[in-house]
Structures are given as C-alpha cells and as structure tokens.
C-alpha cells in the first residue's frame, strides 16, 4: 500500500506564492481578521479626527463661539475611545498571530512527518530546533506583525492626504513633494536592513546547531580534558551572531535617523508654510495645529508602509523554507511474510561493509545477527528497514523488490527496539502507548513480561507516574525494559531487538528474550555481540558478520 502525495523532481512542493501566502493565513480565522479590519478603520478615523478636531476647537474659540467646549468634550471622548480600540486591536492581533504561528509550526511538523527518513537526516537536529524557535519568532515579529500594520498605514495615508488636499491644494501638493524627498532619504537602508536580518537568522541557526553539537558531547570532551573546545566554538558562533545583530541594528539606526530626522524637519517646514497661508488668509489660524500633525500622520504612515513591504521581503527566504514541503511517497507493508536481500553490496567512504551479502527472514522464524562492533549489524538492520537505500543489489519484501526512492513504513508489522530507545517526559502509560488505546490491565500484562510490574505497581501514581526528561529518574535497564514494553504491547508479527537488553542484568535479559523467542507466531531478529546459549538454541538461523 502506498501513502503520500505526488513528488516533483526534488521531492519538494512549494506553497510560497506572494498574495496566496497571506490569503492562506487569513482564511485560518476569518472572524478575527474581520475584527482587525473594522478596528483598524475605526482607529484610523479616530486618530485623524483627534488631529483635525483641534482646529475646530481653536477656530470656534477665536470666533468666541461657545461650541468649542462641546467640540472639546467630543475630542476627548474620541481620543479615549481610540485608545481603548487600540488595546482591543492589539489583543485581537496577538491572537491572530498566534493562530498563524501555530499553523506554520504544525506545517513544519507535518513536513517532518512526511519527508522520509533520508530527507530528515540530511538536516541537523539543531536546524529543526531553529525552525521552531528562531525562524518562527522572526516571522512573527518581522512578517505577521508588520503585515497587520499595513492596512492601518494605508488607511491613515489615504485619508490624511485627502484631508490635506481638502484643506488646501497647495498643502496637499507640498505634502506629496515632501513625501517623495522623504522616501529618497529614508528608505535607502530598507534592503540592507532586510538582508542583515536574513543573515542574522541564518547565523542564529548555526549558533543553535553549535550549541547542540558541543553541549551534547560534554561527556566526551570532559573525558579528554577538551572542554575548552566547547567554550571556543560556542563563543565564536555567538560572536558571529552578535556581530550580525550589531550590523542590523546599525542599519536600522541610520534608517531611523534619516527617516524621522527628515520628518521632523519637514513638519517644521510645513508649519512655516501653513503660517504663510494663514497670513495670506487662505486658511484659518486653527490649521497651524492640525496640518503639521496630519502631515506627520501622512508621512509616517506612507513611509512605514514602504518600510514594512521591504522588511517583509527580507523574510521571504525564511517563509519559503518553512512552507516548502519535502514529501516522499511511503510504502506501508501489510501481512509481512518475507524479507530477503540478494547480493547486497554497501560501502561507507570507500570502506566496503557488505560484499554480495544475501539473507532471508521468513514469517514465524527466529534469527540472530552476530558480530563485533563495526561489522555492519546496525547497517544491515537499516537496509532491512528501508533507512539505507544507496546500496547495490536488491531488497525484496513479500517477493517484491523495494523501490529505493520511496520511504517504508513497517510500524504495523515490525516493532523495532534499539539499544538507546527514546524516553519522553510523559507518564509511564503515555511512554508505552505513544498514542495507542490500551487498558491498564493490558499494560500491566506487558510490564510483567519485561519484569517492570512490581516497580510500577508500587509507585504512588502507578502508570500515571511522570518520567523525567530523558528518563533521568530511571536506570539504564529500566529504560530498556520500558522500550521493550512499548514494542511488545503493539503485538506486531515481527520484532527486532538491536542490543535491546544490553543494559539489563544477564538473568533478567535472558528471561525476557526467552519469552519473546518462544512465541511461535512471531518473527524475531536479534542483533547482538553475544547470545546466551538458552537463546541461541531456540533460533532457526544465525548470521555472522
């Protein structure tokens, strides 16, 4: 059975199309998106009225018209309501961005789920962590938040310019001229800022990889008195990252100085121009208050609009990276009865691991693969499980040659237990079931088989006992027995034990393995350096490497 979608030549499907991308996110929560639109329009109108209303108050006051008091009350109310609406918009946008970020994170997880074993291991674990942390944070602050500000700036810019022209066509024309100058002066750093932050994101990923690589190797470095390497490598990666942060901040600072410094000067120029028009009696004196403020809104909102567009463009590569799907067709085998290899030849760095190796594993029979470290036992296992495909020869499953360009899912047929099984910071029940539905009685029956029943049953929380991070509150043998329970409860037709009892005391290990190999219906493959005689006597065949 084949599951999965079609694949292009690079096993990549790109969903990144300008316009279509944000449309996709907007449809995730239309209710909140409409809330953003309505609140943004109301805030824009309230902001502009807060500036223009001062002219009405001053003109009525100078004309000795007592309506100025009423206008003043209305202005204060509008300003108060506008601030409340801003708070509502901030909360609404925060929830909207949360939905979008969670959607991207879920998309990344789905990509990992479907990209296949080979594609997954082409990327370092630290880079995956960077996707979920650094990249998503950058998308939130440098893409989604600016996008939500775009509509506000468009409304403010449009309405402000209309009002400036309605006050006086000369004021509107001068405003446009000042805007053109401001754009020339203020946006010259936009692309540099975008590129600087893009490089910062790349270096952040490198920094995360470095942290994982060297901190996970603490024991090795400690044993060889080489922890200074950890310090040097992390310091270098951190220094590169922080130097790039300084570069990005420098460009941002220059852009801010050029943009806002010019804007302050232009506001002064507009004030003098409005004063000239007042003296010419073309406009009222109250415009001295409103026009510079409305001009500031116009210049700032228009300038911010362009800056936001440039800033968002700087995030294109990151968005595309997280939105690109690497989907490999997956073959899921049912009713597994035979796995065989014919003339398997495989080399690593010109070192030949297998040369025309052939093997056969039949349903219900018991096997062992023995050999010293480095002999290729785990490599052979990875070929059997479809995790290594760049070998010569052929691997057949149920008599059919496995296609090397497809991923394989054996989970319904094979339970694989490695020497280092993953233990999660979850309850004992959750660690065993990993999403399956089983009764407590079924779980305890399996715990008896792996000799963990007494230990778990005597815990205060029993199956609900939470295991610490990395299983640090368990011994090595207890971890292995827990992963064995995880495999056995699935009752798959085949089980592979890859040094799965190496940390368990010999007597207990033999007792557990005996129960497994005595199951006449189950295909068993044991990978080990050495087998106990009680186990080897029950096997149908042993492969020596």
Protein backbone atom coordinates (compact mmCIF):
# COMPACT_ATOMS: atom_id res chain seq x y z
CA UNK A 1 0.00 0.00 0.00
CA UNK A 2 1.36 3.45 -0.91
CA UNK A 3 0.53 6.54 1.09
CA UNK A 4 1.62 10.11 0.43
CA UNK A 5 1.30 12.58 -2.42
CA UNK A 6 3.00 13.15 -5.73
CA UNK A 7 6.58 14.34 -5.84
CA UNK A 8 8.36 16.73 -8.15
CA UNK A 9 11.92 16.29 -9.26
CA UNK A 10 13.36 17.48 -5.95
CA UNK A 11 10.73 15.86 -3.69
CA UNK A 12 9.69 19.41 -2.81
CA UNK A 13 6.34 21.10 -3.06
CA UNK A 14 6.41 24.88 -2.76
CA UNK A 15 3.36 26.68 -1.48
CA UNK A 16 5.03 30.08 -1.40
CA UNK A 17 3.26 32.45 -3.76
CA UNK A 18 3.03 36.15 -2.98
CA UNK A 19 -0.54 37.08 -2.24
CA UNK A 20 -1.61 33.45 -1.93
CA UNK A 21 0.50 33.03 1.19
CA UNK A 22 -1.27 35.65 3.33
CA UNK A 23 -4.61 34.64 1.83
CA UNK A 24 -3.96 31.18 3.19
CA UNK A 25 -3.30 32.51 6.69
CA UNK A 26 -6.21 34.97 6.64
CA UNK A 27 -8.66 32.14 5.98
CA UNK A 28 -7.46 30.32 9.10
CA UNK A 29 -9.51 32.70 11.28
CA UNK A 30 -11.74 34.99 9.22
CA UNK A 31 -13.61 36.15 12.31
CA UNK A 32 -10.51 37.70 13.86
CA UNK A 33 -9.36 39.04 10.50
CA UNK A 34 -12.61 40.95 10.03
CA UNK A 35 -12.20 42.22 13.58
CA UNK A 36 -8.76 43.56 12.65
CA UNK A 37 -10.15 45.35 9.58
CA UNK A 38 -13.02 47.02 11.46
CA UNK A 39 -10.89 48.05 14.45
CA UNK A 40 -8.12 49.38 12.19
CA UNK A 41 -10.54 51.60 10.23
CA UNK A 42 -12.11 52.97 13.42
CA UNK A 43 -8.71 53.68 14.96
CA UNK A 44 -7.51 55.43 11.80
CA UNK A 45 -10.58 57.65 11.70
CA UNK A 46 -10.29 58.39 15.40
CA UNK A 47 -6.60 59.27 15.07
CA UNK A 48 -7.22 61.69 12.20
CA UNK A 49 -10.19 63.30 13.96
CA UNK A 50 -8.02 63.75 17.07
CA UNK A 51 -5.71 65.93 14.99
CA UNK A 52 -8.32 67.76 12.90
CA UNK A 53 -10.63 68.37 15.88
CA UNK A 54 -8.13 70.78 17.42
CA UNK A 55 -8.61 73.12 14.50
CA UNK A 56 -12.37 73.17 15.08
CA UNK A 57 -11.87 73.94 18.77
CA UNK A 58 -9.35 76.72 18.19
CA UNK A 59 -11.32 78.36 15.36
CA UNK A 60 -14.53 78.35 17.40
CA UNK A 61 -12.70 79.69 20.43
CA UNK A 62 -11.15 82.57 18.46
CA UNK A 63 -14.59 83.29 16.96
CA UNK A 64 -16.00 83.44 20.51
CA UNK A 65 -18.32 80.56 19.64
CA UNK A 66 -19.11 78.53 22.73
CA UNK A 67 -19.41 75.37 20.65
CA UNK A 68 -15.67 74.95 21.20
CA UNK A 69 -16.48 73.47 24.62
CA UNK A 70 -18.73 70.83 23.05
CA UNK A 71 -16.09 70.07 20.40
CA UNK A 72 -13.54 69.68 23.19
CA UNK A 73 -15.67 67.09 25.01
CA UNK A 74 -16.24 65.16 21.79
CA UNK A 75 -12.50 65.28 21.03
CA UNK A 76 -11.62 63.87 24.45
CA UNK A 77 -14.20 61.10 24.10
CA UNK A 78 -12.92 60.20 20.63
CA UNK A 79 -9.33 60.10 21.89
CA UNK A 80 -10.32 57.88 24.83
CA UNK A 81 -12.35 55.51 22.64
CA UNK A 82 -9.48 55.36 20.12
CA UNK A 83 -7.06 54.26 22.84
CA UNK A 84 -9.50 51.56 24.01
CA UNK A 85 -9.87 50.35 20.42
CA UNK A 86 -6.08 50.23 20.09
CA UNK A 87 -5.93 47.92 23.09
CA UNK A 88 -8.66 45.71 21.60
CA UNK A 89 -6.80 45.62 18.27
CA UNK A 90 -3.55 44.66 19.99
CA UNK A 91 -5.22 41.73 21.75
CA UNK A 92 -7.08 40.65 18.61
CA UNK A 93 -3.90 40.79 16.51
CA UNK A 94 -1.93 38.85 19.13
CA UNK A 95 -4.48 36.04 18.97
CA UNK A 96 -4.50 36.18 15.17
CA UNK A 97 -0.70 35.91 15.01
CA UNK A 98 -0.86 33.03 17.49
CA UNK A 99 -3.16 31.15 15.12
CA UNK A 100 -0.84 31.83 12.18
CA UNK A 101 2.35 30.84 14.02
CA UNK A 102 0.76 27.64 15.34
CA UNK A 103 -0.37 26.87 11.78
CA UNK A 104 3.18 27.25 10.44
CA UNK A 105 4.57 25.18 13.33
CA UNK A 106 2.04 22.45 12.59
CA UNK A 107 3.03 22.64 8.91
CA UNK A 108 6.70 22.15 9.85
CA UNK A 109 5.76 19.14 11.98
CA UNK A 110 3.69 17.71 9.13
CA UNK A 111 6.64 18.22 6.79
CA UNK A 112 8.92 16.31 9.18
CA UNK A 113 6.32 13.56 9.38
CA UNK A 114 6.16 13.14 5.60
CA UNK A 115 9.69 13.97 4.41
CA UNK A 116 11.01 10.46 4.90
CA UNK A 117 13.98 9.02 6.79
CA UNK A 118 16.70 10.09 4.32
CA UNK A 119 15.48 13.67 3.94
CA UNK A 120 15.11 14.07 7.71
CA UNK A 121 18.70 13.06 8.39
CA UNK A 122 20.10 15.40 5.74
CA UNK A 123 19.39 18.28 8.14
CA UNK A 124 21.00 18.66 11.55
CA UNK A 125 18.74 18.45 14.59
CA UNK A 126 19.79 21.93 15.67
CA UNK A 127 18.38 23.39 12.47
CA UNK A 128 14.99 21.86 13.15
CA UNK A 129 15.05 23.48 16.59
CA UNK A 130 15.94 26.78 14.92
CA UNK A 131 12.89 26.42 12.63
CA UNK A 132 10.55 26.14 15.60
CA UNK A 133 12.22 28.85 17.68
CA UNK A 134 14.29 31.49 15.89
CA UNK A 135 12.58 31.34 12.49
CA UNK A 136 9.04 31.34 13.85
CA UNK A 137 9.88 34.22 16.18
CA UNK A 138 11.34 36.22 13.30
CA UNK A 139 8.28 35.50 11.16
CA UNK A 140 6.04 36.69 13.98
CA UNK A 141 7.89 39.96 14.59
CA UNK A 142 9.13 40.73 11.08
CA UNK A 143 6.36 39.40 8.88
CA UNK A 144 2.99 38.91 10.54
CA UNK A 145 3.09 41.92 12.88
CA UNK A 146 4.20 44.29 10.07
CA UNK A 147 1.56 42.81 7.76
CA UNK A 148 -1.18 43.67 10.25
CA UNK A 149 0.14 47.23 10.36
CA UNK A 150 -0.06 47.59 6.58
CA UNK A 151 -3.81 48.14 6.46
CA UNK A 152 -3.65 50.78 9.20
CA UNK A 153 -0.92 52.66 7.38
CA UNK A 154 -2.77 52.52 4.06
CA UNK A 155 -5.94 53.95 5.64
CA UNK A 156 -4.05 56.65 7.52
CA UNK A 157 -2.02 57.63 4.46
CA UNK A 158 -5.03 57.78 2.13
CA UNK A 159 -7.37 59.67 4.45
CA UNK A 160 -4.62 62.05 5.61
CA UNK A 161 -3.75 63.02 2.05
CA UNK A 162 -7.43 63.54 1.18
CA UNK A 163 -7.84 65.86 4.15
CA UNK A 164 -4.64 67.76 3.35
CA UNK A 165 -5.87 68.40 -0.20
CA UNK A 166 -9.33 69.30 1.05
CA UNK A 167 -7.83 71.91 3.36
CA UNK A 168 -5.80 73.46 0.59
CA UNK A 169 -4.50 72.07 -2.69
CA UNK A 170 -1.16 73.76 -2.08
CA UNK A 171 -0.79 71.95 1.25
CA UNK A 172 -1.61 68.65 -0.43
CA UNK A 173 0.91 69.27 -3.21
CA UNK A 174 3.67 70.28 -0.77
CA UNK A 175 2.89 67.14 1.29
CA UNK A 176 3.41 64.93 -1.77
CA UNK A 177 6.67 66.68 -2.59
CA UNK A 178 7.94 66.23 0.96
CA UNK A 179 6.94 62.56 0.83
CA UNK A 180 8.98 61.96 -2.33
CA UNK A 181 12.05 63.54 -0.71
CA UNK A 182 11.49 61.54 2.46
CA UNK A 183 11.26 58.29 0.52
CA UNK A 184 14.55 59.01 -1.23
CA UNK A 185 16.26 59.81 2.06
CA UNK A 186 14.60 57.37 4.41
CA UNK A 187 14.22 54.10 2.55
CA UNK A 188 17.72 53.70 1.17
CA UNK A 189 18.58 51.38 4.05
CA UNK A 190 15.49 49.17 3.69
CA UNK A 191 17.04 46.38 1.61
CA UNK A 192 20.22 46.43 3.68
CA UNK A 193 18.15 46.01 6.84
CA UNK A 194 16.23 43.09 5.33
CA UNK A 195 19.42 41.34 4.17
CA UNK A 196 21.10 41.97 7.52
CA UNK A 197 18.27 40.34 9.46
CA UNK A 198 18.11 37.48 6.97
CA UNK A 199 21.79 36.74 7.58
CA UNK A 200 21.15 37.12 11.32
CA UNK A 201 18.53 34.38 11.10
CA UNK A 202 20.97 32.10 9.25
CA UNK A 203 23.67 32.67 11.87
CA UNK A 204 21.12 32.03 14.60
CA UNK A 205 20.52 28.59 13.10
CA UNK A 206 24.28 27.93 13.03
CA UNK A 207 24.53 29.06 16.65
CA UNK A 208 21.75 26.64 17.67
CA UNK A 209 23.49 23.78 15.83
CA UNK A 210 26.77 24.61 17.57
CA UNK A 211 25.11 24.65 20.98
CA UNK A 212 23.54 21.25 20.42
CA UNK A 213 26.64 19.68 18.89
CA UNK A 214 29.09 20.64 21.62
CA UNK A 215 26.88 20.56 24.71
CA UNK A 216 25.65 17.05 23.76
CA UNK A 217 29.32 16.00 23.53
CA UNK A 218 30.10 17.20 27.07
CA UNK A 219 30.99 13.76 28.41
CA UNK A 220 33.42 13.04 25.57
CA UNK A 221 35.11 16.42 25.85
CA UNK A 222 35.28 16.08 29.64
CA UNK A 223 36.90 12.65 29.41
CA UNK A 224 39.64 14.04 27.14
CA UNK A 225 40.03 17.28 29.11
CA UNK A 226 38.95 19.21 26.00
CA UNK A 227 36.06 21.32 27.30
CA UNK A 228 37.94 24.40 26.14
CA UNK A 229 36.81 23.42 22.62
CA UNK A 230 33.19 23.76 23.76
CA UNK A 231 33.94 27.24 25.07
CA UNK A 232 35.82 28.32 21.92
CA UNK A 233 33.28 27.00 19.39
CA UNK A 234 30.27 28.43 21.20
CA UNK A 235 32.00 31.76 21.72
CA UNK A 236 32.87 32.01 18.02
CA UNK A 237 29.33 31.18 16.89
CA UNK A 238 27.86 33.58 19.44
CA UNK A 239 30.29 36.34 18.44
CA UNK A 240 29.36 35.94 14.76
CA UNK A 241 25.67 36.09 15.67
CA UNK A 242 26.00 39.17 17.88
CA UNK A 243 28.23 40.96 15.34
CA UNK A 244 25.50 40.49 12.75
CA UNK A 245 22.92 41.78 15.23
CA UNK A 246 25.02 44.94 15.60
CA UNK A 247 25.17 45.34 11.80
CA UNK A 248 21.36 45.02 11.57
CA UNK A 249 20.87 47.49 14.42
CA UNK A 250 23.31 49.89 12.79
CA UNK A 251 21.40 49.97 9.52
CA UNK A 252 18.14 50.30 11.44
CA UNK A 253 19.56 53.20 13.44
CA UNK A 254 20.74 55.01 10.29
CA UNK A 255 17.35 54.48 8.65
CA UNK A 256 15.54 55.76 11.74
CA UNK A 257 17.75 58.85 11.89
CA UNK A 258 17.30 59.58 8.20
CA UNK A 259 13.55 58.97 8.20
CA UNK A 260 12.40 60.52 11.45
CA UNK A 261 15.00 63.27 11.43
CA UNK A 262 13.83 64.34 7.98
CA UNK A 263 10.22 64.06 9.08
CA UNK A 264 10.74 66.47 11.99
CA UNK A 265 12.36 68.97 9.65
CA UNK A 266 9.50 68.64 7.15
CA UNK A 267 6.95 69.23 9.89
CA UNK A 268 8.75 72.48 10.68
CA UNK A 269 8.73 73.46 7.02
CA UNK A 270 5.01 72.70 6.78
CA UNK A 271 4.33 74.77 9.90
CA UNK A 272 6.02 77.77 8.31
CA UNK A 273 4.16 77.18 5.04
CA UNK A 274 0.82 76.94 6.86
CA UNK A 275 1.65 80.13 8.75
CA UNK A 276 2.29 81.82 5.39
CA UNK A 277 -1.12 80.62 4.11
CA UNK A 278 -2.78 81.88 7.29
CA UNK A 279 -1.19 85.30 6.77
CA UNK A 280 -2.47 85.18 3.20
CA UNK A 281 -5.90 84.39 4.71
CA UNK A 282 -6.19 81.24 2.57
CA UNK A 283 -6.84 79.06 5.64
CA UNK A 284 -7.85 79.59 9.26
CA UNK A 285 -5.32 80.00 12.05
CA UNK A 286 -6.53 76.77 13.63
CA UNK A 287 -4.82 74.89 10.82
CA UNK A 288 -1.49 75.71 12.47
CA UNK A 289 -2.38 72.97 14.95
CA UNK A 290 -3.84 70.37 12.62
CA UNK A 291 -1.91 70.49 9.36
CA UNK A 292 1.59 69.66 10.75
CA UNK A 293 0.05 66.84 12.81
CA UNK A 294 -1.88 65.43 9.84
CA UNK A 295 1.25 65.78 7.69
CA UNK A 296 3.16 63.75 10.28
CA UNK A 297 0.49 61.06 10.07
CA UNK A 298 0.68 61.08 6.28
CA UNK A 299 4.47 60.93 6.06
CA UNK A 300 4.85 58.39 8.82
CA UNK A 301 2.09 56.04 7.63
CA UNK A 302 3.22 56.18 3.99
CA UNK A 303 6.86 55.76 4.92
CA UNK A 304 6.06 52.89 7.27
CA UNK A 305 4.04 51.20 4.55
CA UNK A 306 7.06 51.08 2.25
CA UNK A 307 9.39 50.09 5.07
CA UNK A 308 7.08 47.25 6.06
CA UNK A 309 6.97 45.94 2.49
CA UNK A 310 10.79 45.94 2.33
CA UNK A 311 11.03 44.33 5.76
CA UNK A 312 8.60 41.59 4.80
CA UNK A 313 10.51 40.90 1.59
CA UNK A 314 13.58 40.26 3.73
CA UNK A 315 11.67 37.36 5.31
CA UNK A 316 10.75 35.70 2.01
CA UNK A 317 13.53 33.10 2.16
CA UNK A 318 12.63 32.07 5.71
CA UNK A 319 8.92 31.84 4.91
CA UNK A 320 9.65 29.82 1.78
CA UNK A 321 11.93 27.46 3.69
CA UNK A 322 9.27 26.67 6.28
CA UNK A 323 6.45 26.49 3.74
CA UNK A 324 8.28 24.17 1.32
CA UNK A 325 7.18 20.58 1.79
CA UNK A 326 9.50 17.62 1.20
CA UNK A 327 7.10 14.77 0.61
CA UNK A 328 8.28 11.27 -0.21
CA UNK A 329 5.93 8.50 -1.24
CA UNK A 330 5.67 5.95 1.53
CA UNK A 331 5.14 2.23 1.11
CA UNK A 332 3.28 0.66 4.01
CA UNK A 333 3.51 -3.13 4.10
CA UNK A 334 0.67 -5.34 5.29
CA UNK A 335 0.81 -9.06 6.06
CA UNK A 336 4.60 -9.17 6.10
CA UNK A 337 5.75 -12.74 5.42
CA UNK A 338 9.22 -12.50 3.90
CA UNK A 339 12.17 -10.11 3.79
CA UNK A 340 15.15 -11.11 1.70
CA UNK A 341 18.28 -9.47 0.36
CA UNK A 342 20.10 -10.59 -2.79
CA UNK A 343 23.76 -9.70 -3.40
CA UNK A 344 23.70 -6.63 -1.15
CA UNK A 345 26.89 -4.58 -1.52
CA UNK A 346 27.38 -1.43 0.52
CA UNK A 347 30.33 0.85 1.27
CA UNK A 348 30.96 3.85 3.54
CA UNK A 349 33.75 6.22 2.49
CA UNK A 350 35.25 3.59 0.20
CA UNK A 351 35.21 1.04 3.03
CA UNK A 352 33.19 -1.98 1.94
CA UNK A 353 30.76 -3.04 4.65
CA UNK A 354 28.95 -5.79 2.68
CA UNK A 355 30.03 -7.59 -0.46
CA UNK A 356 27.29 -9.60 -2.20
CA UNK A 357 25.54 -10.37 1.08
CA UNK A 358 22.32 -12.36 0.84
CA UNK A 359 19.84 -13.11 3.64
CA UNK A 360 16.28 -14.26 4.23
CA UNK A 361 13.88 -13.71 7.13
CA UNK A 362 10.70 -15.79 6.99
CA UNK A 363 7.50 -15.35 8.96
CA UNK A 364 7.44 -17.03 12.37
CA UNK A 365 11.12 -17.95 12.42
CA UNK A 366 13.79 -16.78 14.85
CA UNK A 367 17.08 -15.21 13.77
CA UNK A 368 20.17 -13.56 15.16
CA UNK A 369 22.73 -11.29 13.56
CA UNK A 370 26.04 -11.51 15.42
CA UNK A 371 29.34 -9.74 15.02
CA UNK A 372 31.79 -7.37 16.69
CA UNK A 373 31.38 -3.60 16.73
CA UNK A 374 31.76 -2.11 13.27
CA UNK A 375 30.90 -5.33 11.48
CA UNK A 376 27.75 -3.81 9.97
CA UNK A 377 24.96 -5.24 12.17
CA UNK A 378 23.07 -1.96 12.57
CA UNK A 379 23.80 -1.06 8.94
CA UNK A 380 22.19 -4.28 7.79
CA UNK A 381 19.21 -3.52 10.02
CA UNK A 382 18.83 -0.06 8.44
CA UNK A 383 18.84 -1.66 4.99
CA UNK A 384 16.14 -4.10 6.08
CA UNK A 385 14.03 -1.26 7.49
CA UNK A 386 14.47 0.79 4.32
CA UNK A 387 16.51 3.53 6.01
CA UNK A 388 19.57 2.99 3.81
CA UNK A 389 18.88 2.85 0.09
CA UNK A 390 22.18 3.64 -1.64
CA UNK A 391 23.31 0.01 -1.87
CA UNK A 392 23.83 -2.33 -4.80
CA UNK A 393 21.73 -5.43 -5.05
CA UNK A 394 18.06 -5.79 -4.23
CA UNK A 395 15.87 -5.91 -1.16
CA UNK A 396 12.63 -7.84 -1.54
CA UNK A 397 9.59 -7.60 0.70
CA UNK A 398 6.97 -10.34 0.23
CA UNK A 399 8.75 -11.24 -3.00
CA UNK A 400 8.57 -7.74 -4.48
CA UNK A 401 11.68 -5.57 -4.97
CA UNK A 402 11.51 -2.47 -2.76
CA UNK A 403 11.77 0.81 -4.68
CA UNK A 404 14.76 2.71 -3.32
CA UNK A 405 13.28 6.17 -3.90
CA UNK A 406 10.37 5.51 -1.56
CA UNK A 407 10.15 5.59 2.21
CA UNK A 408 8.99 2.49 4.06
CA UNK A 409 6.56 2.22 6.97
CA UNK A 410 6.78 -1.10 8.81
CA UNK A 411 5.09 0.03 12.04
CA UNK A 412 2.10 -2.30 11.71
CA UNK A 413 4.33 -5.29 11.01
CA UNK A 414 7.65 -4.71 12.77
CA UNK A 415 8.39 -3.46 16.28
CA UNK A 416 11.97 -2.23 16.43
CA UNK A 417 13.76 -1.84 19.77
CA UNK A 418 17.18 -0.18 19.77
CA UNK A 419 19.82 -0.03 22.45
CA UNK A 420 19.05 3.66 23.05
CA UNK A 421 15.26 3.91 22.93
CA UNK A 422 13.83 7.40 23.40
CA UNK A 423 12.18 8.08 26.77
CA UNK A 424 9.85 11.09 26.94
CA UNK A 425 8.93 13.48 29.73
CA UNK A 426 5.46 11.93 29.97
CA UNK A 427 3.70 9.36 32.15
CA UNK A 428 4.69 5.71 32.07
CA UNK A 429 1.39 4.93 30.32
CA UNK A 430 1.99 7.57 27.63
CA UNK A 431 5.58 6.41 27.10
CA UNK A 432 4.41 2.85 26.47
CA UNK A 433 1.35 3.58 24.35
CA UNK A 434 2.57 6.60 22.32
CA UNK A 435 -0.99 7.39 21.29
CA UNK A 436 -2.39 3.84 21.27
CA UNK A 437 -5.52 2.88 23.20
CA UNK A 438 -4.98 0.02 25.66
CA UNK A 439 -6.48 -0.85 29.03
CA UNK A 440 -4.45 -0.70 32.23
CA UNK A 441 -4.78 -4.48 32.51
CA UNK A 442 -3.17 -4.94 29.07
CA UNK A 443 -0.34 -2.57 30.00
CA UNK A 444 0.35 -4.37 33.30
CA UNK A 445 0.38 -7.74 31.49
CA UNK A 446 3.18 -6.42 29.26
CA UNK A 447 5.02 -4.94 32.26
CA UNK A 448 5.06 -8.41 33.79
CA UNK A 449 6.74 -9.77 30.65
CA UNK A 450 9.52 -7.16 30.81
CA UNK A 451 9.88 -7.51 34.61
CA UNK A 452 8.66 -3.97 35.43
CA UNK A 453 5.33 -4.84 37.03
CA UNK A 454 6.47 -4.72 40.68
CA UNK A 455 8.35 -1.45 40.20
CA UNK A 456 5.44 0.37 38.51
CA UNK A 457 2.72 -1.13 40.70
CA UNK A 458 4.48 0.10 43.85
CA UNK A 459 4.73 3.70 42.63
CA UNK A 460 2.22 6.13 44.22
CA UNK A 461 0.88 7.19 40.80
CA UNK A 462 1.49 3.81 39.16
CA UNK A 463 1.03 4.17 35.36
CA UNK A 464 0.46 7.92 35.73
CA UNK A 465 3.91 8.48 37.19
CA UNK A 466 5.72 11.13 35.16
CA UNK A 467 9.15 10.18 33.85
CA UNK A 468 11.70 12.97 34.00
CA UNK A 469 13.40 14.49 30.95
CA UNK A 470 15.45 11.85 29.08
CA UNK A 471 14.30 9.31 31.67
CA UNK A 472 16.86 10.52 34.20
CA UNK A 473 14.86 9.02 37.09
CA UNK A 474 15.23 5.55 35.55
CA UNK A 475 18.23 3.26 35.37
CA UNK A 476 19.60 2.11 32.03
CA UNK A 477 17.99 -1.30 32.41
CA UNK A 478 14.63 0.20 33.39
CA UNK A 479 14.70 2.40 30.28
CA UNK A 480 15.35 -0.61 28.06
CA UNK A 481 12.57 -2.62 29.66
CA UNK A 482 10.19 0.30 29.17
CA UNK A 483 11.04 0.50 25.45
CA UNK A 484 10.60 -3.28 25.22
CA UNK A 485 7.13 -2.89 26.73
CA UNK A 486 6.39 -0.22 24.13
CA UNK A 487 7.25 -2.68 21.36
CA UNK A 488 5.57 -5.77 22.81
CA UNK A 489 2.22 -4.12 23.52
CA UNK A 490 1.82 -3.50 19.78
CA UNK A 491 1.84 -7.27 19.18
CA UNK A 492 3.38 -6.92 15.73
CA UNK A 493 4.12 -10.09 13.71
CA UNK A 494 7.84 -9.27 13.77
CA UNK A 495 10.10 -7.80 16.43
CA UNK A 496 13.71 -6.68 16.01
CA UNK A 497 15.91 -6.37 19.09
CA UNK A 498 19.01 -4.29 18.39
CA UNK A 499 21.17 -4.75 21.53
CA UNK A 500 17.83 -4.11 23.26
CA UNK A 501 18.80 -5.81 26.55
CA UNK A 502 22.44 -4.68 26.80
CA UNK A 503 21.85 -2.61 29.97
CA UNK A 504 19.69 -5.26 31.69
CA UNK A 505 21.26 -7.79 34.04
CA UNK A 506 22.01 -11.08 32.29
CA UNK A 507 19.47 -13.22 34.15
CA UNK A 508 16.57 -10.80 33.53
CA UNK A 509 17.62 -10.22 29.92
CA UNK A 510 17.61 -13.94 29.15
CA UNK A 511 14.21 -14.37 30.81
CA UNK A 512 12.72 -11.57 28.69
CA UNK A 513 14.29 -12.81 25.45
CA UNK A 514 13.14 -16.38 26.13
CA UNK A 515 9.51 -15.24 26.35
CA UNK A 516 9.87 -13.42 23.03
CA UNK A 517 11.53 -16.21 21.03
CA UNK A 518 9.10 -18.81 22.41
CA UNK A 519 6.20 -17.07 20.68
CA UNK A 520 5.69 -19.41 17.72
CA UNK A 521 3.72 -16.83 15.70
CA UNK A 522 6.26 -14.02 15.93
CA UNK A 523 9.24 -13.41 13.64
CA UNK A 524 12.20 -12.44 15.82
CA UNK A 525 15.52 -10.89 14.77
CA UNK A 526 18.08 -10.35 17.50
CA UNK A 527 21.16 -8.22 16.89
CA UNK A 528 23.91 -8.71 19.45
CA UNK A 529 27.58 -9.13 20.17
CA UNK A 530 26.91 -12.33 22.03
CA UNK A 531 23.95 -14.65 22.63
CA UNK A 532 23.23 -16.76 25.69
CA UNK A 533 23.11 -20.48 24.91
CA UNK A 534 19.48 -20.65 26.08
CA UNK A 535 18.55 -18.19 23.36
CA UNK A 536 20.78 -19.45 20.55
CA UNK A 537 19.38 -22.97 20.93
CA UNK A 538 15.91 -21.68 20.09
CA UNK A 539 16.92 -19.88 16.88
CA UNK A 540 16.35 -21.08 13.33
CA UNK A 541 19.38 -19.32 11.87
CA UNK A 542 22.29 -17.10 12.92
CA UNK A 543 24.01 -14.68 10.52
CA UNK A 544 27.64 -13.90 11.42
CA UNK A 545 29.14 -10.60 10.21
